[in-house]
C-alpha cells in the first residue's frame, strides 16, 4: 500500500478529510456558518493541536486580537500586530526576530502568506488567511515540516471557505 493511500486510510478511520486534514464536523460548521456560530477554538483544539503535529496554537485577527488559543499560550496584541505587519514588510522581523508567547524566534521564512520561525528545539509557523492569522508552534520531537504543513493546510481550507 502506498504511503499516501495508507495516510488516507488513517484519515478516513479518524473521520478526517484527507485533502485538508479537516474533520468533517468542522467542515460542516464552516459551510453552515450563517446558521451556526463558528468556533475558532475548535480549529485550535482539533485541527491544530489535536493533529499531534502542533504543540500550541492560536488564531488571531489581523488587528492582533486573539480569537482562540491553546491553554498556556498567549500571543500579545503587540506580538500579533508585529506579525500582521510582517506579512507586508518582514524586514523588521528578519533583523530583530519574531516574538511569539514572549519568546524570541529567528525568522527563517517570511512572505506575504507565511512566516516561519526557529528557536532552539522548536519554532512556529504563522499563516495569513483572508480574515485571520493561524499560529502553530512545535517543540521536538515534533518537527517544523509537520507543524508548517498542518498550519498551511488549515489556512488553505479556511481561505477556500472565505475566511
N, C-alpha and C. Protein backbone atom coordinates (compact mmCIF):
# COMPACT_ATOMS: atom_id res chain seq x y z
N UNK A 1 0.85 -1.17 0.00
CA UNK A 1 0.00 0.00 0.00
C UNK A 1 0.90 1.24 0.00
N UNK A 2 0.57 2.20 -0.85
CA UNK A 2 1.39 3.41 -0.95
C UNK A 2 1.26 4.24 0.32
N UNK A 3 2.26 5.09 0.54
CA UNK A 3 2.27 5.96 1.74
C UNK A 3 1.05 6.87 1.78
N UNK A 4 0.71 7.49 0.64
CA UNK A 4 -0.43 8.41 0.63
C UNK A 4 -1.74 7.66 0.82
N UNK A 5 -1.82 6.44 0.27
CA UNK A 5 -3.03 5.64 0.45
C UNK A 5 -3.18 5.22 1.91
N UNK A 6 -2.06 4.86 2.54
CA UNK A 6 -2.10 4.48 3.96
C UNK A 6 -2.53 5.67 4.81
N UNK A 7 -1.98 6.84 4.51
CA UNK A 7 -2.36 8.05 5.25
C UNK A 7 -3.84 8.34 5.05
N UNK A 8 -4.32 8.16 3.82
CA UNK A 8 -5.72 8.41 3.52
C UNK A 8 -6.61 7.46 4.34
N UNK A 9 -6.19 6.19 4.47
CA UNK A 9 -6.95 5.23 5.26
C UNK A 9 -7.01 5.64 6.73
N UNK A 10 -5.89 6.13 7.26
CA UNK A 10 -5.86 6.59 8.65
C UNK A 10 -6.81 7.77 8.81
N UNK A 11 -6.75 8.73 7.88
CA UNK A 11 -7.65 9.88 7.95
C UNK A 11 -9.11 9.43 7.93
N UNK A 12 -9.43 8.47 7.04
CA UNK A 12 -10.81 8.01 6.94
C UNK A 12 -11.27 7.39 8.25
N UNK A 13 -10.40 6.56 8.89
CA UNK A 13 -10.77 5.94 10.16
C UNK A 13 -10.97 6.99 11.24
N UNK A 14 -10.26 8.09 11.17
CA UNK A 14 -10.39 9.15 12.17
C UNK A 14 -11.46 10.17 11.78
N UNK A 15 -12.11 9.97 10.65
CA UNK A 15 -13.16 10.89 10.23
C UNK A 15 -12.63 12.22 9.76
N UNK A 16 -11.46 12.21 9.11
CA UNK A 16 -10.83 13.45 8.69
C UNK A 16 -10.76 13.51 7.17
N UNK A 17 -11.05 14.66 6.60
CA UNK A 17 -10.93 14.89 5.17
C UNK A 17 -9.45 14.89 4.81
N UNK A 18 -8.99 13.89 4.04
CA UNK A 18 -7.56 13.72 3.75
C UNK A 18 -6.99 14.90 2.97
N UNK A 19 -7.79 15.57 2.17
CA UNK A 19 -7.26 16.68 1.38
C UNK A 19 -6.80 17.82 2.26
N UNK A 20 -7.54 18.11 3.33
CA UNK A 20 -7.21 19.25 4.17
C UNK A 20 -6.80 18.86 5.58
N UNK A 21 -7.00 17.60 5.97
CA UNK A 21 -6.75 17.22 7.35
C UNK A 21 -7.78 17.87 8.26
N UNK A 22 -9.00 18.07 7.74
CA UNK A 22 -10.04 18.76 8.49
C UNK A 22 -11.16 17.77 8.81
N UNK A 23 -11.53 17.70 10.06
CA UNK A 23 -12.62 16.85 10.49
C UNK A 23 -13.90 17.30 9.81
N UNK A 24 -14.70 16.37 9.25
CA UNK A 24 -15.93 16.75 8.54
C UNK A 24 -16.89 17.57 9.40
N UNK A 25 -16.90 17.35 10.70
CA UNK A 25 -17.76 18.14 11.58
C UNK A 25 -17.38 19.61 11.49
N UNK A 26 -16.08 19.87 11.46
CA UNK A 26 -15.60 21.24 11.36
C UNK A 26 -15.98 21.81 10.00
N UNK A 27 -15.85 20.98 8.97
CA UNK A 27 -16.22 21.44 7.63
C UNK A 27 -17.70 21.83 7.63
N UNK A 28 -18.54 21.05 8.30
CA UNK A 28 -19.96 21.37 8.38
C UNK A 28 -20.17 22.72 9.06
N UNK A 29 -19.44 22.94 10.16
CA UNK A 29 -19.58 24.22 10.87
C UNK A 29 -19.23 25.39 9.97
N UNK A 30 -18.18 25.22 9.17
CA UNK A 30 -17.77 26.31 8.27
C UNK A 30 -18.80 26.49 7.17
N UNK A 31 -19.22 25.38 6.54
CA UNK A 31 -20.13 25.51 5.41
C UNK A 31 -21.50 26.02 5.83
N UNK A 32 -21.84 25.85 7.09
CA UNK A 32 -23.12 26.32 7.60
C UNK A 32 -22.93 27.44 8.62
N UNK A 33 -21.89 28.23 8.42
CA UNK A 33 -21.54 29.24 9.42
C UNK A 33 -22.62 30.30 9.60
N UNK A 34 -23.45 30.52 8.60
CA UNK A 34 -24.52 31.50 8.77
C UNK A 34 -25.55 30.99 9.77
N UNK A 35 -25.76 29.67 9.77
CA UNK A 35 -26.73 29.08 10.69
C UNK A 35 -26.10 28.73 12.03
N UNK A 36 -24.81 28.41 12.04
CA UNK A 36 -24.12 28.01 13.25
C UNK A 36 -22.96 28.96 13.52
N UNK A 37 -22.82 29.36 14.76
CA UNK A 37 -21.69 30.22 15.12
C UNK A 37 -20.41 29.39 15.04
N UNK A 38 -19.46 29.89 14.27
CA UNK A 38 -18.21 29.16 14.11
C UNK A 38 -17.41 29.23 15.39
N UNK A 39 -16.80 28.12 15.75
CA UNK A 39 -15.95 28.07 16.92
C UNK A 39 -14.49 28.03 16.49
N UNK A 40 -13.81 29.15 16.60
CA UNK A 40 -12.39 29.20 16.27
C UNK A 40 -11.61 28.31 17.23
N UNK A 41 -12.10 28.19 18.46
CA UNK A 41 -11.42 27.34 19.44
C UNK A 41 -11.36 25.89 18.98
N UNK A 42 -12.38 25.45 18.28
CA UNK A 42 -12.39 24.08 17.77
C UNK A 42 -11.27 23.86 16.77
N UNK A 43 -11.00 24.85 15.93
CA UNK A 43 -9.88 24.72 15.00
C UNK A 43 -8.56 24.57 15.74
N UNK A 44 -8.38 25.37 16.79
CA UNK A 44 -7.14 25.28 17.59
C UNK A 44 -7.04 23.91 18.24
N UNK A 45 -8.10 23.50 18.93
CA UNK A 45 -8.07 22.27 19.71
C UNK A 45 -8.05 21.00 18.86
N UNK A 46 -8.81 20.99 17.77
CA UNK A 46 -8.97 19.79 16.98
C UNK A 46 -8.02 19.72 15.79
N UNK A 47 -7.98 20.76 14.99
CA UNK A 47 -7.24 20.70 13.74
C UNK A 47 -5.77 21.08 13.86
N UNK A 48 -5.42 21.85 14.86
CA UNK A 48 -4.01 22.22 15.03
C UNK A 48 -3.38 21.38 16.14
N UNK A 49 -3.67 21.67 17.39
CA UNK A 49 -3.07 20.91 18.50
C UNK A 49 -3.53 19.44 18.45
N UNK A 50 -4.78 19.22 18.13
CA UNK A 50 -5.33 17.87 18.07
C UNK A 50 -4.73 17.00 16.98
N UNK A 51 -4.03 17.61 16.04
CA UNK A 51 -3.38 16.83 14.97
C UNK A 51 -2.19 16.04 15.49
N UNK A 52 -1.66 16.45 16.64
CA UNK A 52 -0.46 15.81 17.17
C UNK A 52 0.81 16.33 16.52
N UNK A 53 0.68 17.31 15.64
CA UNK A 53 1.83 17.86 14.91
C UNK A 53 2.14 19.30 15.31
N UNK A 54 1.29 19.85 16.19
CA UNK A 54 1.43 21.23 16.65
C UNK A 54 1.37 21.21 18.17
N UNK A 55 2.34 21.84 18.83
CA UNK A 55 2.38 21.85 20.30
C UNK A 55 1.35 22.80 20.90
N UNK A 56 1.37 24.04 20.45
CA UNK A 56 0.45 25.08 20.92
C UNK A 56 0.01 25.87 19.70
N UNK A 57 -1.15 26.51 19.80
CA UNK A 57 -1.66 27.23 18.63
C UNK A 57 -2.55 28.39 19.05
N UNK A 58 -2.71 29.30 18.12
CA UNK A 58 -3.62 30.43 18.31
C UNK A 58 -4.16 30.87 16.95
N UNK A 59 -5.31 31.47 16.99
CA UNK A 59 -5.86 32.15 15.82
C UNK A 59 -6.11 33.58 16.27
N UNK A 60 -5.53 34.51 15.52
CA UNK A 60 -5.66 35.92 15.85
C UNK A 60 -6.20 36.68 14.64
N UNK A 61 -6.74 37.85 14.90
CA UNK A 61 -7.20 38.71 13.82
C UNK A 61 -6.05 39.52 13.25
N UNK A 62 -6.28 40.13 12.12
CA UNK A 62 -5.25 40.99 11.50
C UNK A 62 -4.94 42.20 12.38
N UNK A 63 -5.82 42.48 13.35
CA UNK A 63 -5.59 43.60 14.28
C UNK A 63 -4.82 43.16 15.52
N UNK A 64 -4.38 41.89 15.54
CA UNK A 64 -3.61 41.38 16.67
C UNK A 64 -4.44 40.81 17.80
N UNK A 65 -5.75 40.95 17.73
CA UNK A 65 -6.62 40.44 18.78
C UNK A 65 -6.75 38.92 18.71
N UNK A 66 -6.78 38.29 19.87
CA UNK A 66 -6.86 36.83 19.95
C UNK A 66 -8.29 36.35 19.74
N UNK A 67 -8.47 35.38 18.85
CA UNK A 67 -9.78 34.76 18.62
C UNK A 67 -9.89 33.45 19.38
N UNK A 68 -8.77 32.69 19.41
CA UNK A 68 -8.74 31.40 20.11
C UNK A 68 -7.29 31.04 20.36
N UNK A 69 -7.06 30.31 21.44
CA UNK A 69 -5.69 29.93 21.78
C UNK A 69 -5.69 28.65 22.60
N UNK A 70 -4.60 27.91 22.52
CA UNK A 70 -4.48 26.72 23.36
C UNK A 70 -4.06 27.15 24.76
N UNK A 71 -4.31 26.30 25.72
CA UNK A 71 -4.04 26.60 27.11
C UNK A 71 -2.57 26.95 27.34
N UNK A 72 -2.35 28.05 28.05
CA UNK A 72 -0.99 28.45 28.38
C UNK A 72 -0.22 29.12 27.26
N UNK A 73 -0.90 29.42 26.17
CA UNK A 73 -0.25 30.03 25.01
C UNK A 73 -0.86 31.41 24.80
N UNK A 74 -0.02 32.43 24.90
CA UNK A 74 -0.53 33.80 24.79
C UNK A 74 0.25 34.54 23.69
N UNK A 75 -0.48 35.06 22.75
CA UNK A 75 0.10 35.95 21.74
C UNK A 75 -0.43 37.33 22.09
N UNK A 76 0.47 38.20 22.57
CA UNK A 76 0.03 39.53 22.98
C UNK A 76 -0.45 40.31 21.75
N UNK A 77 -1.22 41.34 22.00
CA UNK A 77 -1.71 42.17 20.90
C UNK A 77 -0.53 42.75 20.11
N UNK A 78 0.53 43.18 20.80
CA UNK A 78 1.69 43.73 20.11
C UNK A 78 2.39 42.67 19.26
N UNK A 79 2.53 41.46 19.81
CA UNK A 79 3.12 40.37 19.02
C UNK A 79 2.28 40.11 17.78
N UNK A 80 0.95 40.13 17.95
CA UNK A 80 0.05 39.92 16.82
C UNK A 80 0.14 41.03 15.79
N UNK A 81 0.22 42.26 16.25
CA UNK A 81 0.35 43.40 15.33
C UNK A 81 1.67 43.34 14.56
N UNK A 82 2.75 42.99 15.27
CA UNK A 82 4.06 42.87 14.60
C UNK A 82 4.03 41.78 13.54
N UNK A 83 3.39 40.67 13.87
CA UNK A 83 3.28 39.56 12.92
C UNK A 83 2.44 39.99 11.71
N UNK A 84 1.31 40.62 11.96
CA UNK A 84 0.43 41.07 10.87
C UNK A 84 1.17 42.04 9.95
N UNK A 85 1.93 42.97 10.53
CA UNK A 85 2.68 43.94 9.72
C UNK A 85 3.76 43.26 8.90
N UNK A 86 4.32 42.17 9.42
CA UNK A 86 5.41 41.47 8.72
C UNK A 86 4.95 40.79 7.44
N UNK A 87 3.67 40.54 7.29
CA UNK A 87 3.19 39.96 6.04
C UNK A 87 3.31 40.97 4.90
N UNK A 88 3.38 42.25 5.23
CA UNK A 88 3.57 43.30 4.22
C UNK A 88 5.04 43.67 4.08
N UNK A 89 5.76 43.71 5.21
CA UNK A 89 7.17 44.08 5.21
C UNK A 89 7.86 43.35 6.36
N UNK A 90 8.61 42.33 6.03
CA UNK A 90 9.22 41.47 7.05
C UNK A 90 10.61 41.93 7.48
N UNK A 91 11.08 43.06 6.99
CA UNK A 91 12.45 43.48 7.30
C UNK A 91 12.70 43.63 8.80
N UNK A 92 11.72 44.13 9.54
CA UNK A 92 11.88 44.30 10.97
C UNK A 92 12.00 42.94 11.68
N UNK A 93 11.16 41.99 11.30
CA UNK A 93 11.24 40.66 11.90
C UNK A 93 12.53 39.96 11.53
N UNK A 94 12.96 40.13 10.31
CA UNK A 94 14.20 39.47 9.88
C UNK A 94 15.40 39.98 10.67
N UNK A 95 15.40 41.27 11.00
CA UNK A 95 16.55 41.83 11.71
C UNK A 95 16.44 41.66 13.23
N UNK A 96 15.24 41.73 13.78
CA UNK A 96 15.08 41.69 15.24
C UNK A 96 14.51 40.39 15.77
N UNK A 97 13.96 39.56 14.89
CA UNK A 97 13.33 38.33 15.33
C UNK A 97 11.85 38.53 15.57
N UNK A 98 11.15 37.42 15.70
CA UNK A 98 9.71 37.45 15.96
C UNK A 98 9.45 36.96 17.37
N UNK A 99 8.58 37.67 18.08
CA UNK A 99 8.21 37.26 19.43
C UNK A 99 6.84 36.61 19.39
N UNK A 100 6.79 35.38 19.88
CA UNK A 100 5.55 34.63 19.99
C UNK A 100 5.52 34.06 21.40
N UNK A 101 4.46 34.33 22.15
CA UNK A 101 4.35 33.86 23.52
C UNK A 101 5.54 34.35 24.37
N UNK A 102 5.96 35.58 24.11
CA UNK A 102 7.07 36.25 24.81
C UNK A 102 8.43 35.59 24.57
N UNK A 103 8.53 34.75 23.56
CA UNK A 103 9.79 34.09 23.23
C UNK A 103 10.26 34.57 21.86
N UNK A 104 11.54 34.92 21.78
CA UNK A 104 12.11 35.40 20.53
C UNK A 104 12.49 34.22 19.64
N UNK A 105 12.12 34.35 18.37
CA UNK A 105 12.43 33.35 17.36
C UNK A 105 13.19 34.00 16.21
N UNK A 106 14.12 33.27 15.65
CA UNK A 106 14.79 33.71 14.44
C UNK A 106 13.86 33.41 13.26
N UNK A 107 13.62 34.39 12.42
CA UNK A 107 12.74 34.19 11.27
C UNK A 107 13.53 33.54 10.14
N UNK A 108 13.02 32.40 9.67
CA UNK A 108 13.71 31.67 8.61
C UNK A 108 12.99 31.79 7.27
N UNK A 109 11.73 32.22 7.28
CA UNK A 109 10.99 32.45 6.05
C UNK A 109 9.92 33.50 6.34
N UNK A 110 9.79 34.44 5.45
CA UNK A 110 8.74 35.45 5.61
C UNK A 110 8.33 35.94 4.23
N UNK A 111 7.05 35.80 3.93
CA UNK A 111 6.49 36.35 2.69
C UNK A 111 5.08 36.85 2.99
N UNK A 112 4.32 37.17 1.96
CA UNK A 112 3.00 37.76 2.20
C UNK A 112 1.94 36.76 2.66
N UNK A 113 2.30 35.49 2.77
CA UNK A 113 1.38 34.46 3.23
C UNK A 113 1.85 33.77 4.50
N UNK A 114 3.15 33.44 4.58
CA UNK A 114 3.66 32.60 5.66
C UNK A 114 4.91 33.19 6.31
N UNK A 115 5.01 32.98 7.62
CA UNK A 115 6.21 33.35 8.37
C UNK A 115 6.57 32.15 9.24
N UNK A 116 7.81 31.70 9.10
CA UNK A 116 8.30 30.57 9.91
C UNK A 116 9.44 31.07 10.78
N UNK A 117 9.44 30.61 12.03
CA UNK A 117 10.50 30.99 12.96
C UNK A 117 11.07 29.78 13.65
N UNK A 118 12.30 29.91 14.15
CA UNK A 118 13.02 28.82 14.80
C UNK A 118 13.61 29.32 16.10
N UNK A 119 13.57 28.47 17.13
CA UNK A 119 14.16 28.79 18.43
C UNK A 119 14.61 27.48 19.06
N UNK A 120 15.90 27.34 19.26
CA UNK A 120 16.47 26.14 19.88
C UNK A 120 15.84 24.88 19.32
N UNK A 121 15.07 24.16 20.12
CA UNK A 121 14.50 22.88 19.69
C UNK A 121 13.04 23.00 19.27
N UNK A 122 12.65 24.16 18.77
CA UNK A 122 11.28 24.37 18.37
C UNK A 122 11.16 25.53 17.42
N UNK A 123 9.93 25.94 17.21
CA UNK A 123 9.69 27.06 16.31
C UNK A 123 8.21 27.29 16.10
N UNK A 124 7.89 28.06 15.06
CA UNK A 124 6.49 28.37 14.79
C UNK A 124 6.25 28.55 13.30
N UNK A 125 4.99 28.41 12.94
CA UNK A 125 4.51 28.75 11.60
C UNK A 125 3.33 29.68 11.79
N UNK A 126 3.31 30.79 11.07
CA UNK A 126 2.18 31.72 11.08
C UNK A 126 1.74 31.88 9.63
N UNK A 127 0.45 31.69 9.39
CA UNK A 127 -0.07 31.76 8.03
C UNK A 127 -1.29 32.68 8.02
N UNK A 128 -1.28 33.61 7.08
CA UNK A 128 -2.34 34.61 6.96
C UNK A 128 -3.44 34.08 6.05
N UNK A 129 -4.68 34.22 6.52
CA UNK A 129 -5.84 33.93 5.68
C UNK A 129 -6.52 35.26 5.38
N UNK A 130 -7.66 35.22 4.75
CA UNK A 130 -8.38 36.44 4.40
C UNK A 130 -8.72 37.27 5.65
N UNK A 131 -9.11 36.60 6.74
CA UNK A 131 -9.57 37.31 7.92
C UNK A 131 -8.73 37.08 9.17
N UNK A 132 -7.85 36.09 9.16
CA UNK A 132 -7.16 35.70 10.39
C UNK A 132 -5.70 35.35 10.14
N UNK A 133 -4.99 35.12 11.23
CA UNK A 133 -3.62 34.61 11.18
C UNK A 133 -3.61 33.37 12.06
N UNK A 134 -3.22 32.24 11.49
CA UNK A 134 -3.09 30.99 12.24
C UNK A 134 -1.65 30.86 12.70
N UNK A 135 -1.46 30.52 13.95
CA UNK A 135 -0.12 30.35 14.50
C UNK A 135 -0.03 28.98 15.15
N UNK A 136 0.95 28.21 14.75
CA UNK A 136 1.19 26.91 15.36
C UNK A 136 2.64 26.83 15.78
N UNK A 137 2.90 26.25 16.95
CA UNK A 137 4.28 26.08 17.41
C UNK A 137 4.59 24.59 17.52
N UNK A 138 5.86 24.28 17.55
CA UNK A 138 6.29 22.90 17.75
C UNK A 138 7.52 22.88 18.64
N UNK A 139 7.68 21.82 19.36
CA UNK A 139 8.86 21.56 20.18
C UNK A 139 9.24 20.11 19.91
N UNK A 140 10.54 19.86 19.72
CA UNK A 140 10.97 18.48 19.47
C UNK A 140 10.38 17.55 20.53
N UNK A 141 9.92 16.37 20.15
CA UNK A 141 10.20 15.64 18.93
C UNK A 141 9.33 16.02 17.74
N UNK A 142 8.37 16.93 17.90
CA UNK A 142 7.60 17.40 16.75
C UNK A 142 8.54 18.12 15.80
N UNK A 143 8.17 18.17 14.52
CA UNK A 143 9.07 18.74 13.51
C UNK A 143 8.48 19.98 12.85
N UNK A 144 9.38 20.81 12.37
CA UNK A 144 8.97 22.02 11.65
C UNK A 144 8.11 21.67 10.45
N UNK A 145 8.53 20.69 9.68
CA UNK A 145 7.79 20.32 8.46
C UNK A 145 6.36 19.92 8.74
N UNK A 146 6.15 19.09 9.75
CA UNK A 146 4.79 18.66 10.08
C UNK A 146 3.95 19.81 10.62
N UNK A 147 4.54 20.63 11.46
CA UNK A 147 3.82 21.78 12.01
C UNK A 147 3.44 22.74 10.88
N UNK A 148 4.42 23.10 10.07
CA UNK A 148 4.17 24.04 8.97
C UNK A 148 3.08 23.52 8.04
N UNK A 149 3.16 22.25 7.68
CA UNK A 149 2.20 21.65 6.76
C UNK A 149 0.78 21.67 7.36
N UNK A 150 0.67 21.37 8.64
CA UNK A 150 -0.63 21.35 9.30
C UNK A 150 -1.27 22.74 9.31
N UNK A 151 -0.48 23.74 9.65
CA UNK A 151 -0.99 25.11 9.69
C UNK A 151 -1.34 25.59 8.28
N UNK A 152 -0.48 25.30 7.31
CA UNK A 152 -0.73 25.70 5.91
C UNK A 152 -2.00 25.06 5.36
N UNK A 153 -2.22 23.78 5.65
CA UNK A 153 -3.41 23.09 5.13
C UNK A 153 -4.69 23.66 5.72
N UNK A 154 -4.68 23.94 7.03
CA UNK A 154 -5.88 24.54 7.62
C UNK A 154 -6.11 25.93 7.04
N UNK A 155 -5.04 26.68 6.82
CA UNK A 155 -5.18 28.01 6.20
C UNK A 155 -5.77 27.89 4.80
N UNK A 156 -5.30 26.93 4.01
CA UNK A 156 -5.85 26.71 2.67
C UNK A 156 -7.35 26.47 2.75
N UNK A 157 -7.74 25.61 3.67
CA UNK A 157 -9.15 25.27 3.83
C UNK A 157 -9.97 26.51 4.21
N UNK A 158 -9.49 27.28 5.18
CA UNK A 158 -10.23 28.47 5.62
C UNK A 158 -10.32 29.52 4.50
N UNK A 159 -9.25 29.67 3.76
CA UNK A 159 -9.27 30.61 2.63
C UNK A 159 -10.31 30.17 1.60
N UNK A 160 -10.33 28.87 1.32
CA UNK A 160 -11.31 28.34 0.36
C UNK A 160 -12.74 28.60 0.83
N UNK A 161 -12.95 28.61 2.15
CA UNK A 161 -14.27 28.85 2.72
C UNK A 161 -14.58 30.34 2.89
N UNK A 162 -13.63 31.20 2.51
CA UNK A 162 -13.87 32.63 2.60
C UNK A 162 -13.40 33.28 3.88
N UNK A 163 -12.65 32.54 4.67
CA UNK A 163 -12.14 33.08 5.92
C UNK A 163 -10.66 33.35 5.82
